[in-house]
Amino acid sequence: MPEILIYTTNICPYCVMAKRLLDKKGAAYTEINVDSRPGLREEMMQKTRRRTVPQIYIGDVHVGGFDDLYALERQHKLDPLLAA
């Protein structure tokens, strides 16, 4: 399973939903809470070119946010990406 990275904040329902979906898949992930340290949101924004959370990487693939992750699930493309 590839490394999974998810940028989150303290109060974010979409972050919770993304983590629940990944948990349901049995996927281990590293969570970076951008509220936990000054400069993390800016680091995320430079890396992803987006300012909203969650921002999800599966391996080298920038999936995007929860809607993007869920779209992959609906299209049956998430499991193959997690298995790569």
PDB file of N, CA and C in Angstrom:
ATOM      1  N   MET A   1       0.856  -1.178   0.000  1.00  0.00           N
ATOM      2  CA  MET A   1       0.000   0.000   0.000  1.00  0.00           C
ATOM      3  C   MET A   1       0.900   1.238   0.000  1.00  0.00           C
ATOM      4  N   PRO A   2       0.588   2.197  -0.854  1.00  0.00           N
ATOM      5  CA  PRO A   2       1.402   3.416  -0.902  1.00  0.00           C
ATOM      6  C   PRO A   2       1.209   4.277   0.342  1.00  0.00           C
ATOM      7  N   GLU A   3       2.149   5.169   0.568  1.00  0.00           N
ATOM      8  CA  GLU A   3       2.028   6.100   1.685  1.00  0.00           C
ATOM      9  C   GLU A   3       0.877   7.065   1.405  1.00  0.00           C
ATOM     10  N   ILE A   4       0.073   7.304   2.418  1.00  0.00           N
ATOM     11  CA  ILE A   4      -1.068   8.214   2.295  1.00  0.00           C
ATOM     12  C   ILE A   4      -0.843   9.373   3.250  1.00  0.00           C
ATOM     13  N   LEU A   5      -1.016  10.574   2.729  1.00  0.00           N
ATOM     14  CA  LEU A   5      -0.837  11.795   3.505  1.00  0.00           C
ATOM     15  C   LEU A   5      -2.123  12.598   3.404  1.00  0.00           C
ATOM     16  N   ILE A   6      -2.633  13.042   4.551  1.00  0.00           N
ATOM     17  CA  ILE A   6      -3.861  13.839   4.541  1.00  0.00           C
ATOM     18  C   ILE A   6      -3.664  15.072   5.409  1.00  0.00           C
ATOM     19  N   TYR A   7      -3.846  16.232   4.799  1.00  0.00           N
ATOM     20  CA  TYR A   7      -3.792  17.500   5.523  1.00  0.00           C
ATOM     21  C   TYR A   7      -5.183  17.792   6.054  1.00  0.00           C
ATOM     22  N   THR A   8      -5.280  18.135   7.344  1.00  0.00           N
ATOM     23  CA  THR A   8      -6.570  18.373   7.990  1.00  0.00           C
ATOM     24  C   THR A   8      -6.511  19.624   8.867  1.00  0.00           C
ATOM     25  N   THR A   9      -7.673  19.978   9.440  1.00  0.00           N
ATOM     26  CA  THR A   9      -7.758  21.004  10.480  1.00  0.00           C
ATOM     27  C   THR A   9      -8.563  20.420  11.639  1.00  0.00           C
ATOM     28  N   ASN A  10      -8.612  21.166  12.740  1.00  0.00           N
ATOM     29  CA  ASN A  10      -9.316  20.688  13.929  1.00  0.00           C
ATOM     30  C   ASN A  10     -10.813  20.510  13.693  1.00  0.00           C
ATOM     31  N   ILE A  11     -11.430  21.457  13.025  1.00  0.00           N
ATOM     32  CA  ILE A  11     -12.874  21.419  12.816  1.00  0.00           C
ATOM     33  C   ILE A  11     -13.142  21.354  11.317  1.00  0.00           C
ATOM     34  N   CYS A  12     -13.310  20.130  10.817  1.00  0.00           N
ATOM     35  CA  CYS A  12     -13.501  19.949   9.377  1.00  0.00           C
ATOM     36  C   CYS A  12     -14.281  18.660   9.141  1.00  0.00           C
ATOM     37  N   PRO A  13     -15.578  18.770   8.853  1.00  0.00           N
ATOM     38  CA  PRO A  13     -16.370  17.555   8.641  1.00  0.00           C
ATOM     39  C   PRO A  13     -15.897  16.739   7.431  1.00  0.00           C
ATOM     40  N   TYR A  14     -15.375  17.405   6.414  1.00  0.00           N
ATOM     41  CA  TYR A  14     -14.894  16.675   5.239  1.00  0.00           C
ATOM     42  C   TYR A  14     -13.625  15.884   5.556  1.00  0.00           C
ATOM     43  N   CYS A  15     -12.809  16.411   6.468  1.00  0.00           N
ATOM     44  CA  CYS A  15     -11.619  15.683   6.925  1.00  0.00           C
ATOM     45  C   CYS A  15     -12.042  14.406   7.645  1.00  0.00           C
ATOM     46  N   VAL A  16     -13.049  14.524   8.500  1.00  0.00           N
ATOM     47  CA  VAL A  16     -13.562  13.368   9.237  1.00  0.00           C
ATOM     48  C   VAL A  16     -14.087  12.321   8.258  1.00  0.00           C
ATOM     49  N   MET A  17     -14.841  12.749   7.253  1.00  0.00           N
ATOM     50  CA  MET A  17     -15.395  11.806   6.282  1.00  0.00           C
ATOM     51  C   MET A  17     -14.290  11.133   5.465  1.00  0.00           C
ATOM     52  N   ALA A  18     -13.267  11.886   5.095  1.00  0.00           N
ATOM     53  CA  ALA A  18     -12.157  11.305   4.339  1.00  0.00           C
ATOM     54  C   ALA A  18     -11.428  10.265   5.177  1.00  0.00           C
ATOM     55  N   LYS A  19     -11.173  10.582   6.440  1.00  0.00           N
ATOM     56  CA  LYS A  19     -10.482   9.630   7.310  1.00  0.00           C
ATOM     57  C   LYS A  19     -11.343   8.386   7.543  1.00  0.00           C
ATOM     58  N   ARG A  20     -12.647   8.559   7.670  1.00  0.00           N
ATOM     59  CA  ARG A  20     -13.548   7.402   7.851  1.00  0.00           C
ATOM     60  C   ARG A  20     -13.507   6.487   6.634  1.00  0.00           C
ATOM     61  N   LEU A  21     -13.505   7.073   5.443  1.00  0.00           N
ATOM     62  CA  LEU A  21     -13.453   6.261   4.230  1.00  0.00           C
ATOM     63  C   LEU A  21     -12.132   5.501   4.152  1.00  0.00           C
ATOM     64  N   LEU A  22     -11.040   6.175   4.450  1.00  0.00           N
ATOM     65  CA  LEU A  22      -9.737   5.504   4.438  1.00  0.00           C
ATOM     66  C   LEU A  22      -9.672   4.425   5.519  1.00  0.00           C
ATOM     67  N   ASP A  23     -10.237   4.706   6.691  1.00  0.00           N
ATOM     68  CA  ASP A  23     -10.285   3.704   7.765  1.00  0.00           C
ATOM     69  C   ASP A  23     -11.089   2.481   7.318  1.00  0.00           C
ATOM     70  N   LYS A  24     -12.212   2.728   6.664  1.00  0.00           N
ATOM     71  CA  LYS A  24     -13.071   1.640   6.171  1.00  0.00           C
ATOM     72  C   LYS A  24     -12.299   0.757   5.193  1.00  0.00           C
ATOM     73  N   LYS A  25     -11.397   1.367   4.442  1.00  0.00           N
ATOM     74  CA  LYS A  25     -10.590   0.626   3.473  1.00  0.00           C
ATOM     75  C   LYS A  25      -9.392  -0.060   4.131  1.00  0.00           C
ATOM     76  N   GLY A  26      -9.197   0.200   5.417  1.00  0.00           N
ATOM     77  CA  GLY A  26      -8.047  -0.376   6.111  1.00  0.00           C
ATOM     78  C   GLY A  26      -6.734   0.281   5.738  1.00  0.00           C
ATOM     79  N   ALA A  27      -6.811   1.510   5.250  1.00  0.00           N
ATOM     80  CA  ALA A  27      -5.623   2.237   4.790  1.00  0.00           C
ATOM     81  C   ALA A  27      -4.995   3.019   5.940  1.00  0.00           C
ATOM     82  N   ALA A  28      -3.707   2.836   6.122  1.00  0.00           N
ATOM     83  CA  ALA A  28      -2.969   3.617   7.113  1.00  0.00           C
ATOM     84  C   ALA A  28      -2.569   4.938   6.465  1.00  0.00           C
ATOM     85  N   TYR A  29      -2.656   6.014   7.220  1.00  0.00           N
ATOM     86  CA  TYR A  29      -2.321   7.322   6.664  1.00  0.00           C
ATOM     87  C   TYR A  29      -1.621   8.167   7.708  1.00  0.00           C
ATOM     88  N   THR A  30      -0.906   9.161   7.214  1.00  0.00           N
ATOM     89  CA  THR A  30      -0.277  10.147   8.074  1.00  0.00           C
ATOM     90  C   THR A  30      -1.109  11.410   7.992  1.00  0.00           C
ATOM     91  N   GLU A  31      -1.546  11.893   9.140  1.00  0.00           N
ATOM     92  CA  GLU A  31      -2.364  13.102   9.202  1.00  0.00           C
ATOM     93  C   GLU A  31      -1.501  14.278   9.624  1.00  0.00           C
ATOM     94  N   ILE A  32      -1.600  15.356   8.861  1.00  0.00           N
ATOM     95  CA  ILE A  32      -0.920  16.597   9.217  1.00  0.00           C
ATOM     96  C   ILE A  32      -1.990  17.644   9.478  1.00  0.00           C
ATOM     97  N   ASN A  33      -2.131  18.013  10.753  1.00  0.00           N
ATOM     98  CA  ASN A  33      -3.120  19.012  11.134  1.00  0.00           C
ATOM     99  C   ASN A  33      -2.476  20.389  10.956  1.00  0.00           C
ATOM    100  N   VAL A  34      -2.971  21.141   9.977  1.00  0.00           N
ATOM    101  CA  VAL A  34      -2.358  22.432   9.656  1.00  0.00           C
ATOM    102  C   VAL A  34      -2.623  23.489  10.730  1.00  0.00           C
ATOM    103  N   ASP A  35      -3.520  23.193  11.685  1.00  0.00           N
ATOM    104  CA  ASP A  35      -3.752  24.103  12.807  1.00  0.00           C
ATOM    105  C   ASP A  35      -2.712  23.913  13.914  1.00  0.00           C
ATOM    106  N   SER A  36      -1.956  22.835  13.853  1.00  0.00           N
ATOM    107  CA  SER A  36      -1.081  22.477  14.967  1.00  0.00           C
ATOM    108  C   SER A  36       0.210  23.286  15.039  1.00  0.00           C
ATOM    109  N   ARG A  37       0.606  23.882  13.917  1.00  0.00           N
ATOM    110  CA  ARG A  37       1.868  24.626  13.925  1.00  0.00           C
ATOM    111  C   ARG A  37       1.819  25.729  12.867  1.00  0.00           C
ATOM    112  N   PRO A  38       2.253  26.931  13.221  1.00  0.00           N
ATOM    113  CA  PRO A  38       2.282  28.015  12.236  1.00  0.00           C
ATOM    114  C   PRO A  38       3.121  27.611  11.019  1.00  0.00           C
ATOM    115  N   GLY A  39       2.613  27.960   9.859  1.00  0.00           N
ATOM    116  CA  GLY A  39       3.344  27.692   8.630  1.00  0.00           C
ATOM    117  C   GLY A  39       2.934  26.414   7.918  1.00  0.00           C
ATOM    118  N   LEU A  40       2.226  25.502   8.599  1.00  0.00           N
ATOM    119  CA  LEU A  40       1.839  24.253   7.938  1.00  0.00           C
ATOM    120  C   LEU A  40       0.820  24.471   6.833  1.00  0.00           C
ATOM    121  N   ARG A  41      -0.132  25.397   7.048  1.00  0.00           N
ATOM    122  CA  ARG A  41      -1.122  25.658   5.985  1.00  0.00           C
ATOM    123  C   ARG A  41      -0.420  26.220   4.750  1.00  0.00           C
ATOM    124  N   GLU A  42       0.530  27.115   4.962  1.00  0.00           N
ATOM    125  CA  GLU A  42       1.263  27.688   3.826  1.00  0.00           C
ATOM    126  C   GLU A  42       2.061  26.610   3.098  1.00  0.00           C
ATOM    127  N   GLU A  43       2.653  25.706   3.868  1.00  0.00           N
ATOM    128  CA  GLU A  43       3.384  24.583   3.269  1.00  0.00           C
ATOM    129  C   GLU A  43       2.450  23.725   2.421  1.00  0.00           C
ATOM    130  N   MET A  44       1.253  23.439   2.965  1.00  0.00           N
ATOM    131  CA  MET A  44       0.258  22.664   2.231  1.00  0.00           C
ATOM    132  C   MET A  44      -0.164  23.386   0.955  1.00  0.00           C
ATOM    133  N   MET A  45      -0.396  24.696   1.065  1.00  0.00           N
ATOM    134  CA  MET A  45      -0.848  25.476  -0.084  1.00  0.00           C
ATOM    135  C   MET A  45       0.214  25.496  -1.186  1.00  0.00           C
ATOM    136  N   GLN A  46       1.476  25.576  -0.831  1.00  0.00           N
ATOM    137  CA  GLN A  46       2.527  25.559  -1.838  1.00  0.00           C
ATOM    138  C   GLN A  46       2.608  24.199  -2.514  1.00  0.00           C
ATOM    139  N   LYS A  47       2.415  23.149  -1.734  1.00  0.00           N
ATOM    140  CA  LYS A  47       2.517  21.792  -2.277  1.00  0.00           C
ATOM    141  C   LYS A  47       1.318  21.437  -3.146  1.00  0.00           C
ATOM    142  N   THR A  48       0.115  21.835  -2.719  1.00  0.00           N
ATOM    143  CA  THR A  48      -1.113  21.398  -3.394  1.00  0.00           C
ATOM    144  C   THR A  48      -1.716  22.454  -4.320  1.00  0.00           C
ATOM    145  N   ARG A  49      -1.317  23.708  -4.132  1.00  0.00           N
ATOM    146  CA  ARG A  49      -1.914  24.838  -4.862  1.00  0.00           C
ATOM    147  C   ARG A  49      -3.385  25.040  -4.487  1.00  0.00           C
ATOM    148  N   ARG A  50      -3.775  24.533  -3.317  1.00  0.00           N
ATOM    149  CA  ARG A  50      -5.136  24.694  -2.787  1.00  0.00           C
ATOM    150  C   ARG A  50      -5.054  25.119  -1.333  1.00  0.00           C
ATOM    151  N   ARG A  51      -6.108  25.787  -0.853  1.00  0.00           N
ATOM    152  CA  ARG A  51      -6.087  26.244   0.530  1.00  0.00           C
ATOM    153  C   ARG A  51      -7.096  25.514   1.416  1.00  0.00           C
ATOM    154  N   THR A  52      -7.959  24.700   0.801  1.00  0.00           N
ATOM    155  CA  THR A  52      -8.981  23.993   1.569  1.00  0.00           C
ATOM    156  C   THR A  52      -8.462  22.639   2.050  1.00  0.00           C
ATOM    157  N   VAL A  53      -9.083  22.152   3.116  1.00  0.00           N
ATOM    158  CA  VAL A  53      -8.772  20.820   3.627  1.00  0.00           C
ATOM    159  C   VAL A  53     -10.017  19.955   3.542  1.00  0.00           C
ATOM    160  N   PRO A  54      -9.864  18.664   3.463  1.00  0.00           N
ATOM    161  CA  PRO A  54      -8.611  17.938   3.447  1.00  0.00           C
ATOM    162  C   PRO A  54      -7.924  18.026   2.092  1.00  0.00           C
ATOM    163  N   GLN A  55      -6.636  17.812   2.097  1.00  0.00           N
ATOM    164  CA  GLN A  55      -5.866  17.595   0.879  1.00  0.00           C
ATOM    165  C   GLN A  55      -5.200  16.236   1.059  1.00  0.00           C
ATOM    166  N   ILE A  56      -5.404  15.372   0.082  1.00  0.00           N
ATOM    167  CA  ILE A  56      -5.020  13.969   0.227  1.00  0.00           C
ATOM    168  C   ILE A  56      -4.054  13.571  -0.875  1.00  0.00           C
ATOM    169  N   TYR A  57      -2.977  12.921  -0.451  1.00  0.00           N
ATOM    170  CA  TYR A  57      -2.023  12.307  -1.374  1.00  0.00           C
ATOM    171  C   TYR A  57      -2.033  10.809  -1.136  1.00  0.00           C
ATOM    172  N   ILE A  58      -2.097  10.058  -2.209  1.00  0.00           N
ATOM    173  CA  ILE A  58      -1.910   8.607  -2.147  1.00  0.00           C
ATOM    174  C   ILE A  58      -0.689   8.322  -2.998  1.00  0.00           C
ATOM    175  N   GLY A  59       0.396   7.982  -2.339  1.00  0.00           N
ATOM    176  CA  GLY A  59       1.674   7.874  -3.041  1.00  0.00           C
ATOM    177  C   GLY A  59       2.030   9.237  -3.603  1.00  0.00           C
ATOM    178  N   ASP A  60       2.374   9.270  -4.876  1.00  0.00           N
ATOM    179  CA  ASP A  60       2.717  10.526  -5.536  1.00  0.00           C
ATOM    180  C   ASP A  60       1.504  11.226  -6.141  1.00  0.00           C
ATOM    181  N   VAL A  61       0.334  10.624  -6.034  1.00  0.00           N
ATOM    182  CA  VAL A  61      -0.889  11.150  -6.658  1.00  0.00           C
ATOM    183  C   VAL A  61      -1.588  12.110  -5.703  1.00  0.00           C
ATOM    184  N   HIS A  62      -1.759  13.351  -6.142  1.00  0.00           N
ATOM    185  CA  HIS A  62      -2.550  14.312  -5.373  1.00  0.00           C
ATOM    186  C   HIS A  62      -4.012  14.072  -5.729  1.00  0.00           C
ATOM    187  N   VAL A  63      -4.721  13.420  -4.820  1.00  0.00           N
ATOM    188  CA  VAL A  63      -6.128  13.092  -5.047  1.00  0.00           C
ATOM    189  C   VAL A  63      -6.969  14.355  -4.995  1.00  0.00           C
ATOM    190  N   GLY A  64      -6.681  15.238  -4.051  1.00  0.00           N
ATOM    191  CA  GLY A  64      -7.468  16.448  -3.849  1.00  0.00           C
ATOM    192  C   GLY A  64      -8.173  16.356  -2.517  1.00  0.00           C
ATOM    193  N   GLY A  65      -9.446  16.754  -2.494  1.00  0.00           N
ATOM    194  CA  GLY A  65     -10.218  16.765  -1.259  1.00  0.00           C
ATOM    195  C   GLY A  65     -11.120  15.557  -1.118  1.00  0.00           C
ATOM    196  N   PHE A  66     -12.047  15.638  -0.156  1.00  0.00           N
ATOM    197  CA  PHE A  66     -12.945  14.513   0.092  1.00  0.00           C
ATOM    198  C   PHE A  66     -13.798  14.199  -1.119  1.00  0.00           C
ATOM    199  N   ASP A  67     -14.341  15.226  -1.779  1.00  0.00           N
ATOM    200  CA  ASP A  67     -15.190  14.968  -2.949  1.00  0.00           C
ATOM    201  C   ASP A  67     -14.429  14.184  -4.012  1.00  0.00           C
ATOM    202  N   ASP A  68     -13.160  14.513  -4.198  1.00  0.00           N
ATOM    203  CA  ASP A  68     -12.334  13.807  -5.178  1.00  0.00           C
ATOM    204  C   ASP A  68     -12.084  12.363  -4.740  1.00  0.00           C
ATOM    205  N   LEU A  69     -11.820  12.174  -3.443  1.00  0.00           N
ATOM    206  CA  LEU A  69     -11.596  10.834  -2.905  1.00  0.00           C
ATOM    207  C   LEU A  69     -12.849   9.988  -3.061  1.00  0.00           C
ATOM    208  N   TYR A  70     -13.999  10.566  -2.734  1.00  0.00           N
ATOM    209  CA  TYR A  70     -15.259   9.832  -2.832  1.00  0.00           C
ATOM    210  C   TYR A  70     -15.609   9.529  -4.286  1.00  0.00           C
ATOM    211  N   ALA A  71     -15.271  10.431  -5.191  1.00  0.00           N
ATOM    212  CA  ALA A  71     -15.515  10.181  -6.617  1.00  0.00           C
ATOM    213  C   ALA A  71     -14.699   8.966  -7.084  1.00  0.00           C
ATOM    214  N   LEU A  72     -13.464   8.864  -6.629  1.00  0.00           N
ATOM    215  CA  LEU A  72     -12.656   7.685  -6.959  1.00  0.00           C
ATOM    216  C   LEU A  72     -13.312   6.411  -6.436  1.00  0.00           C
ATOM    217  N   GLU A  73     -13.857   6.479  -5.231  1.00  0.00           N
ATOM    218  CA  GLU A  73     -14.540   5.324  -4.649  1.00  0.00           C
ATOM    219  C   GLU A  73     -15.753   4.936  -5.491  1.00  0.00           C
ATOM    220  N   ARG A  74     -16.564   5.910  -5.884  1.00  0.00           N
ATOM    221  CA  ARG A  74     -17.762   5.633  -6.693  1.00  0.00           C
ATOM    222  C   ARG A  74     -17.406   5.062  -8.054  1.00  0.00           C
ATOM    223  N   GLN A  75     -16.267   5.469  -8.600  1.00  0.00           N
ATOM    224  CA  GLN A  75     -15.831   4.986  -9.922  1.00  0.00           C
ATOM    225  C   GLN A  75     -15.024   3.689  -9.828  1.00  0.00           C
ATOM    226  N   HIS A  76     -14.935   3.131  -8.625  1.00  0.00           N
ATOM    227  CA  HIS A  76     -14.177   1.897  -8.377  1.00  0.00           C
ATOM    228  C   HIS A  76     -12.704   2.045  -8.738  1.00  0.00           C
ATOM    229  N   LYS A  77     -12.168   3.245  -8.535  1.00  0.00           N
ATOM    230  CA  LYS A  77     -10.762   3.503  -8.829  1.00  0.00           C
ATOM    231  C   LYS A  77      -9.917   3.677  -7.564  1.00  0.00           C
ATOM    232  N   LEU A  78     -10.572   3.752  -6.408  1.00  0.00           N
ATOM    233  CA  LEU A  78      -9.834   3.971  -5.168  1.00  0.00           C
ATOM    234  C   LEU A  78      -9.066   2.727  -4.743  1.00  0.00           C
ATOM    235  N   ASP A  79      -9.719   1.563  -4.776  1.00  0.00           N
ATOM    236  CA  ASP A  79      -9.046   0.335  -4.352  1.00  0.00           C
ATOM    237  C   ASP A  79      -7.776   0.055  -5.165  1.00  0.00           C
ATOM    238  N   PRO A  80      -7.831   0.171  -6.505  1.00  0.00           N
ATOM    239  CA  PRO A  80      -6.588  -0.045  -7.253  1.00  0.00           C
ATOM    240  C   PRO A  80      -5.492   0.968  -6.903  1.00  0.00           C
ATOM    241  N   LEU A  81      -5.885   2.198  -6.625  1.00  0.00           N
ATOM    242  CA  LEU A  81      -4.905   3.220  -6.251  1.00  0.00           C
ATOM    243  C   LEU A  81      -4.265   2.894  -4.895  1.00  0.00           C
ATOM    244  N   LEU A  82      -5.091   2.391  -3.970  1.00  0.00           N
ATOM    245  CA  LEU A  82      -4.581   2.015  -2.658  1.00  0.00           C
ATOM    246  C   LEU A  82      -3.700   0.765  -2.726  1.00  0.00           C
ATOM    247  N   ALA A  83      -3.952  -0.080  -3.706  1.00  0.00           N
ATOM    248  CA  ALA A  83      -3.196  -1.332  -3.832  1.00  0.00           C
ATOM    249  C   ALA A  83      -1.889  -1.151  -4.589  1.00  0.00           C
ATOM    250  N   ALA A  84      -1.725  -0.020  -5.259  1.00  0.00           N
ATOM    251  CA  ALA A  84      -0.531   0.190  -6.095  1.00  0.00           C
ATOM    252  C   ALA A  84       0.737   0.173  -5.286  1.00  0.00           C
TER     253      ALA A  84
END
